Structures are given as structure tokens and as C-alpha cells.
Amino acid sequence: MSRVIDLAQYDVLTSLRNKVAAAVAANSPEDTHRTLGMVQGYLIGLHTAGEIDINDVRSLEAETMANVNFLLNARKGAHAN
């Protein structure tokens, strides 16, 4: 990443990611999509404010989506047995 987000921004991002994880755990597609939109909106806001560049947005967004995919796959695996 070309720039580093500060601690306050990291805390907000972590809180949003926790909401995404809770939505996935609750098996709520609507809440999952809504909270993912919140993460994306927050990252775009940071970019628009000049806090992070577009590569940071892409990287942080990809990391969030990888976590969602992991949680969804874990959920499927748990129900397969």
C-alpha cells in the first residue's frame, strides 16, 4: 500500500468488517450486502478525501472480500457434514 491508514481509520474499518462477519454468521444475505456496501463506501470516502489511493481501496476491498469468501466457505463446510 502506498499510504497507511491511521489508527482511528483502522478501528472504523475493523468495526465495519466485524459487522460484515456478523451478517455472514447470521446467514443474512441482505445484511451481508448492506455491510459490504458500508465498507466500500467508507473506503471510497477515504479515497475521495485523499487519505488513501485507489490501490489501497482495491487492496483493502479485496482483503474484505477474501474474508467474506472464507466465512461463506466455512459455513458451507460446516453444513456439509
Protein backbone atom coordinates (compact mmCIF):
# COMPACT_ATOMS: atom_id res chain seq x y z
CA MET A 1 0.00 0.00 0.00
CA SER A 2 1.26 3.41 -0.83
CA ARG A 3 -0.21 5.10 2.23
CA VAL A 4 -1.02 3.87 5.69
CA ILE A 5 -4.40 4.39 7.28
CA ASP A 6 -4.23 5.81 10.77
CA LEU A 7 -5.39 4.04 13.91
CA ALA A 8 -8.81 5.70 14.02
CA GLN A 9 -9.48 4.77 10.38
CA TYR A 10 -8.30 1.22 11.05
CA ASP A 11 -10.66 0.95 14.03
CA VAL A 12 -13.61 2.07 11.89
CA LEU A 13 -12.67 -0.38 9.15
CA THR A 14 -12.32 -3.20 11.69
CA SER A 15 -15.73 -2.36 13.15
CA LEU A 16 -17.30 -2.45 9.70
CA ARG A 17 -15.62 -5.76 8.91
CA ASN A 18 -16.96 -7.18 12.17
CA LYS A 19 -20.46 -6.18 11.04
CA VAL A 20 -19.90 -7.99 7.77
CA ALA A 21 -18.73 -11.11 9.62
CA ALA A 22 -21.77 -10.96 11.91
CA ALA A 23 -24.08 -10.70 8.89
CA VAL A 24 -22.44 -13.71 7.25
CA ALA A 25 -22.63 -15.67 10.51
CA ALA A 26 -26.33 -14.78 10.83
CA ASN A 27 -26.86 -16.10 7.29
CA SER A 28 -28.41 -12.80 6.23
CA PRO A 29 -27.65 -12.00 2.59
CA GLU A 30 -29.37 -8.62 2.88
CA ASP A 31 -27.24 -7.56 5.86
CA THR A 32 -24.13 -9.01 4.22
CA HIS A 33 -24.66 -6.90 1.10
CA ARG A 34 -25.57 -3.83 3.14
CA THR A 35 -22.49 -4.06 5.36
CA LEU A 36 -20.22 -4.76 2.39
CA GLY A 37 -21.60 -1.58 0.86
CA MET A 38 -20.74 0.25 4.06
CA VAL A 39 -17.13 -0.98 3.82
CA GLN A 40 -16.93 0.04 0.17
CA GLY A 41 -18.46 3.43 0.91
CA TYR A 42 -16.02 4.03 3.75
CA LEU A 43 -13.04 3.14 1.57
CA ILE A 44 -14.28 5.34 -1.29
CA GLY A 45 -14.77 8.15 1.22
CA LEU A 46 -11.19 7.80 2.40
CA HIS A 47 -10.04 7.86 -1.22
CA THR A 48 -12.16 10.89 -2.07
CA ALA A 49 -10.75 12.70 0.97
CA GLY A 50 -7.23 11.96 -0.26
CA GLU A 51 -6.42 9.72 2.69
CA ILE A 52 -5.70 6.62 0.60
CA ASP A 53 -5.11 5.99 -3.08
CA ILE A 54 -7.13 3.76 -5.39
CA ASN A 55 -4.69 0.87 -4.99
CA ASP A 56 -5.28 0.97 -1.25
CA VAL A 57 -9.03 0.90 -1.85
CA ARG A 58 -8.68 -2.14 -4.10
CA SER A 59 -6.36 -3.92 -1.70
CA LEU A 60 -8.50 -3.34 1.39
CA GLU A 61 -11.66 -4.21 -0.52
CA ALA A 62 -10.10 -7.44 -1.82
CA GLU A 63 -8.99 -8.35 1.69
CA THR A 64 -12.52 -7.83 3.00
CA MET A 65 -13.99 -9.95 0.20
CA ALA A 66 -11.46 -12.71 0.84
CA ASN A 67 -12.59 -12.79 4.47
CA VAL A 68 -16.24 -12.99 3.38
CA ASN A 69 -15.45 -15.82 0.98
CA PHE A 70 -13.62 -17.66 3.74
CA LEU A 71 -16.57 -17.28 6.12
CA LEU A 72 -19.07 -18.40 3.47
CA ASN A 73 -16.95 -21.44 2.60
CA ALA A 74 -16.55 -22.31 6.28
CA ARG A 75 -20.31 -22.04 6.69
CA LYS A 76 -20.89 -24.36 3.73
CA GLY A 77 -18.29 -26.81 5.05
CA ALA A 78 -19.89 -26.90 8.48
CA HIS A 79 -23.26 -27.80 6.97
CA ALA A 80 -21.82 -30.43 4.63
CA ASN A 81 -21.26 -32.94 7.40
